[in-house]
Amino acid sequence: MRHVKDDDLDRLEPLLEQLRAIDGLRERKRGAFVLKSRSFLHFHAHGDEFFADVRLADDFERFPATTAAQHRTLVKAIKGALDGRA
């Protein structure tokens, strides 16, 4: 498992656009998001599959992030977690 590269992020761009639209998240560098000043989300690649590590609570949780359905699940989980923090 490795951190994503620029060409990986090109493939994840539709998901990145959705994440950029979520209030409270800030993209520190392409594909790496913070919430307030704390690291919140980054991506890994393993072969042709992508994974998102997201800090929904105290620790990071790993979500599959390759398909559109997985993107929807990830975005829903993030929005649910952030709504619970308000």
N, C-alpha and C. Protein backbone atom coordinates (compact mmCIF):
# COMPACT_ATOMS: atom_id res chain seq x y z
N MET A 1 0.87 -1.17 0.00
CA MET A 1 0.00 0.00 0.00
C MET A 1 0.91 1.23 0.00
N ARG A 2 0.56 2.19 -0.85
CA ARG A 2 1.36 3.41 -0.98
C ARG A 2 0.43 4.62 -0.99
N HIS A 3 0.99 5.78 -0.70
CA HIS A 3 0.21 7.00 -0.85
C HIS A 3 -0.03 7.25 -2.33
N VAL A 4 -1.12 7.89 -2.65
CA VAL A 4 -1.47 8.13 -4.05
C VAL A 4 -0.50 9.11 -4.70
N LYS A 5 -0.39 8.99 -6.01
CA LYS A 5 0.42 9.89 -6.82
C LYS A 5 -0.51 10.79 -7.62
N ASP A 6 0.06 11.74 -8.33
CA ASP A 6 -0.75 12.69 -9.09
C ASP A 6 -1.66 12.01 -10.10
N ASP A 7 -1.17 10.98 -10.81
CA ASP A 7 -2.03 10.33 -11.79
C ASP A 7 -3.17 9.57 -11.10
N ASP A 8 -2.94 9.08 -9.88
CA ASP A 8 -4.03 8.46 -9.11
C ASP A 8 -5.07 9.51 -8.76
N LEU A 9 -4.61 10.67 -8.35
CA LEU A 9 -5.54 11.73 -7.97
C LEU A 9 -6.35 12.21 -9.17
N ASP A 10 -5.78 12.14 -10.36
CA ASP A 10 -6.55 12.47 -11.56
C ASP A 10 -7.76 11.55 -11.67
N ARG A 11 -7.57 10.28 -11.38
CA ARG A 11 -8.67 9.31 -11.44
C ARG A 11 -9.68 9.55 -10.31
N LEU A 12 -9.24 10.13 -9.21
CA LEU A 12 -10.12 10.39 -8.07
C LEU A 12 -10.75 11.79 -8.11
N GLU A 13 -10.49 12.55 -9.15
CA GLU A 13 -10.94 13.94 -9.21
C GLU A 13 -12.45 14.10 -8.98
N PRO A 14 -13.31 13.25 -9.53
CA PRO A 14 -14.75 13.43 -9.23
C PRO A 14 -15.05 13.34 -7.72
N LEU A 15 -14.37 12.45 -7.03
CA LEU A 15 -14.54 12.34 -5.58
C LEU A 15 -13.95 13.57 -4.88
N LEU A 16 -12.79 14.01 -5.32
CA LEU A 16 -12.17 15.18 -4.71
C LEU A 16 -13.08 16.40 -4.82
N GLU A 17 -13.76 16.55 -5.96
CA GLU A 17 -14.69 17.67 -6.13
C GLU A 17 -15.81 17.60 -5.10
N GLN A 18 -16.32 16.41 -4.84
CA GLN A 18 -17.38 16.25 -3.84
C GLN A 18 -16.86 16.60 -2.45
N LEU A 19 -15.63 16.18 -2.15
CA LEU A 19 -15.06 16.47 -0.84
C LEU A 19 -14.79 17.95 -0.65
N ARG A 20 -14.36 18.62 -1.69
CA ARG A 20 -14.10 20.07 -1.62
C ARG A 20 -15.36 20.85 -1.31
N ALA A 21 -16.52 20.30 -1.65
CA ALA A 21 -17.79 20.99 -1.44
C ALA A 21 -18.33 20.81 -0.02
N ILE A 22 -17.70 19.98 0.79
CA ILE A 22 -18.18 19.74 2.15
C ILE A 22 -17.68 20.86 3.06
N ASP A 23 -18.62 21.55 3.70
CA ASP A 23 -18.27 22.64 4.62
C ASP A 23 -17.39 22.12 5.75
N GLY A 24 -16.35 22.87 6.04
CA GLY A 24 -15.46 22.53 7.14
C GLY A 24 -14.19 21.83 6.70
N LEU A 25 -14.23 21.14 5.55
CA LEU A 25 -13.03 20.47 5.06
C LEU A 25 -12.21 21.44 4.23
N ARG A 26 -10.90 21.36 4.41
CA ARG A 26 -9.99 22.20 3.63
C ARG A 26 -8.93 21.28 3.03
N GLU A 27 -8.68 21.45 1.76
CA GLU A 27 -7.68 20.63 1.08
C GLU A 27 -6.31 21.27 1.29
N ARG A 28 -5.51 20.67 2.16
CA ARG A 28 -4.19 21.19 2.50
C ARG A 28 -3.27 21.09 1.29
N LYS A 29 -3.26 19.94 0.67
CA LYS A 29 -2.62 19.73 -0.62
C LYS A 29 -3.53 18.77 -1.36
N ARG A 30 -3.36 18.66 -2.65
CA ARG A 30 -4.30 17.87 -3.44
C ARG A 30 -4.43 16.46 -2.88
N GLY A 31 -5.67 16.10 -2.51
CA GLY A 31 -5.97 14.77 -2.01
C GLY A 31 -5.77 14.59 -0.52
N ALA A 32 -5.33 15.63 0.19
CA ALA A 32 -5.14 15.55 1.64
C ALA A 32 -5.95 16.67 2.29
N PHE A 33 -6.91 16.29 3.11
CA PHE A 33 -7.84 17.25 3.69
C PHE A 33 -7.63 17.35 5.20
N VAL A 34 -7.89 18.55 5.70
CA VAL A 34 -7.84 18.79 7.15
C VAL A 34 -9.21 19.28 7.60
N LEU A 35 -9.48 19.06 8.85
CA LEU A 35 -10.68 19.58 9.51
C LEU A 35 -10.17 20.42 10.66
N LYS A 36 -10.48 21.72 10.60
CA LYS A 36 -9.85 22.70 11.48
C LYS A 36 -8.36 22.62 11.18
N SER A 37 -7.51 22.28 12.11
CA SER A 37 -6.08 22.19 11.79
C SER A 37 -5.57 20.75 11.88
N ARG A 38 -6.49 19.80 11.99
CA ARG A 38 -6.12 18.40 12.19
C ARG A 38 -6.31 17.59 10.90
N SER A 39 -5.33 16.75 10.61
CA SER A 39 -5.43 15.88 9.44
C SER A 39 -6.72 15.07 9.51
N PHE A 40 -7.45 15.03 8.39
CA PHE A 40 -8.76 14.39 8.39
C PHE A 40 -8.89 13.27 7.37
N LEU A 41 -8.31 13.43 6.18
CA LEU A 41 -8.51 12.46 5.12
C LEU A 41 -7.32 12.47 4.16
N HIS A 42 -6.87 11.28 3.77
CA HIS A 42 -5.85 11.13 2.73
C HIS A 42 -6.09 9.79 2.05
N PHE A 43 -5.42 9.59 0.95
CA PHE A 43 -5.66 8.41 0.12
C PHE A 43 -4.43 7.52 -0.02
N HIS A 44 -4.70 6.24 -0.22
CA HIS A 44 -3.68 5.23 -0.51
C HIS A 44 -4.11 4.48 -1.76
N ALA A 45 -3.14 3.85 -2.39
CA ALA A 45 -3.41 2.99 -3.55
C ALA A 45 -2.78 1.64 -3.31
N HIS A 46 -3.47 0.64 -3.79
CA HIS A 46 -2.95 -0.73 -3.76
C HIS A 46 -3.35 -1.37 -5.08
N GLY A 47 -2.39 -1.51 -5.97
CA GLY A 47 -2.73 -1.97 -7.32
C GLY A 47 -3.61 -0.93 -7.98
N ASP A 48 -4.74 -1.36 -8.50
CA ASP A 48 -5.69 -0.45 -9.15
C ASP A 48 -6.78 0.03 -8.21
N GLU A 49 -6.67 -0.29 -6.94
CA GLU A 49 -7.70 0.10 -5.97
C GLU A 49 -7.23 1.25 -5.11
N PHE A 50 -8.20 2.08 -4.72
CA PHE A 50 -7.92 3.22 -3.86
C PHE A 50 -8.62 3.05 -2.53
N PHE A 51 -8.01 3.65 -1.51
CA PHE A 51 -8.57 3.62 -0.16
C PHE A 51 -8.42 5.01 0.44
N ALA A 52 -9.41 5.41 1.23
CA ALA A 52 -9.37 6.68 1.94
C ALA A 52 -9.24 6.40 3.42
N ASP A 53 -8.28 7.03 4.05
CA ASP A 53 -8.16 6.99 5.50
C ASP A 53 -8.81 8.26 6.02
N VAL A 54 -9.85 8.09 6.84
CA VAL A 54 -10.65 9.22 7.32
C VAL A 54 -10.72 9.17 8.83
N ARG A 55 -10.49 10.32 9.46
CA ARG A 55 -10.58 10.42 10.92
C ARG A 55 -12.02 10.81 11.29
N LEU A 56 -12.89 9.81 11.40
CA LEU A 56 -14.28 10.07 11.76
C LEU A 56 -14.44 10.22 13.27
N ALA A 57 -13.55 9.65 14.04
CA ALA A 57 -13.55 9.77 15.50
C ALA A 57 -12.11 10.08 15.91
N ASP A 58 -11.58 9.35 16.88
CA ASP A 58 -10.21 9.61 17.32
C ASP A 58 -9.17 9.01 16.38
N ASP A 59 -9.49 7.89 15.77
CA ASP A 59 -8.54 7.21 14.90
C ASP A 59 -9.03 7.22 13.45
N PHE A 60 -8.11 6.96 12.55
CA PHE A 60 -8.47 6.86 11.14
C PHE A 60 -9.18 5.54 10.87
N GLU A 61 -10.15 5.61 9.97
CA GLU A 61 -10.83 4.42 9.47
C GLU A 61 -10.54 4.35 7.97
N ARG A 62 -10.35 3.15 7.47
CA ARG A 62 -10.06 2.97 6.04
C ARG A 62 -11.32 2.59 5.29
N PHE A 63 -11.60 3.34 4.21
CA PHE A 63 -12.74 3.10 3.35
C PHE A 63 -12.26 2.77 1.94
N PRO A 64 -12.86 1.80 1.28
CA PRO A 64 -12.55 1.60 -0.14
C PRO A 64 -13.04 2.83 -0.91
N ALA A 65 -12.28 3.24 -1.92
CA ALA A 65 -12.62 4.47 -2.64
C ALA A 65 -12.31 4.37 -4.13
N THR A 66 -12.66 3.24 -4.72
CA THR A 66 -12.36 3.03 -6.13
C THR A 66 -13.56 3.32 -7.02
N THR A 67 -14.73 2.84 -6.64
CA THR A 67 -15.92 2.94 -7.49
C THR A 67 -16.80 4.12 -7.10
N ALA A 68 -17.71 4.48 -7.98
CA ALA A 68 -18.67 5.56 -7.69
C ALA A 68 -19.52 5.21 -6.47
N ALA A 69 -19.93 3.96 -6.34
CA ALA A 69 -20.72 3.54 -5.18
C ALA A 69 -19.91 3.70 -3.89
N GLN A 70 -18.63 3.37 -3.94
CA GLN A 70 -17.77 3.54 -2.77
C GLN A 70 -17.58 5.02 -2.45
N HIS A 71 -17.52 5.85 -3.46
CA HIS A 71 -17.41 7.30 -3.25
C HIS A 71 -18.64 7.81 -2.52
N ARG A 72 -19.83 7.34 -2.95
CA ARG A 72 -21.07 7.78 -2.29
C ARG A 72 -21.08 7.36 -0.82
N THR A 73 -20.65 6.15 -0.54
CA THR A 73 -20.61 5.66 0.84
C THR A 73 -19.65 6.51 1.67
N LEU A 74 -18.50 6.81 1.12
CA LEU A 74 -17.50 7.61 1.82
C LEU A 74 -18.03 9.01 2.12
N VAL A 75 -18.58 9.66 1.12
CA VAL A 75 -19.09 11.02 1.31
C VAL A 75 -20.23 11.02 2.34
N LYS A 76 -21.09 10.04 2.28
CA LYS A 76 -22.19 9.94 3.25
C LYS A 76 -21.65 9.77 4.67
N ALA A 77 -20.64 8.93 4.84
CA ALA A 77 -20.06 8.72 6.17
C ALA A 77 -19.42 10.00 6.69
N ILE A 78 -18.73 10.72 5.82
CA ILE A 78 -18.09 11.97 6.24
C ILE A 78 -19.12 13.01 6.63
N LYS A 79 -20.13 13.18 5.79
CA LYS A 79 -21.17 14.16 6.12
C LYS A 79 -21.88 13.80 7.40
N GLY A 80 -22.17 12.51 7.60
CA GLY A 80 -22.81 12.07 8.84
C GLY A 80 -21.96 12.36 10.05
N ALA A 81 -20.67 12.11 9.96
CA ALA A 81 -19.77 12.37 11.08
C ALA A 81 -19.66 13.86 11.37
N LEU A 82 -19.57 14.67 10.32
CA LEU A 82 -19.45 16.11 10.52
C LEU A 82 -20.74 16.71 11.05
N ASP A 83 -21.88 16.20 10.62
CA ASP A 83 -23.16 16.68 11.16
C ASP A 83 -23.26 16.37 12.64
N GLY A 84 -22.70 15.26 13.07
CA GLY A 84 -22.72 14.87 14.47
C GLY A 84 -21.81 15.72 15.34
N ARG A 85 -20.87 16.43 14.73
CA ARG A 85 -19.94 17.28 15.48
C ARG A 85 -20.47 18.68 15.67
N ALA A 86 -21.51 19.02 14.95
CA ALA A 86 -22.02 20.41 14.99
C ALA A 86 -22.71 20.71 16.29
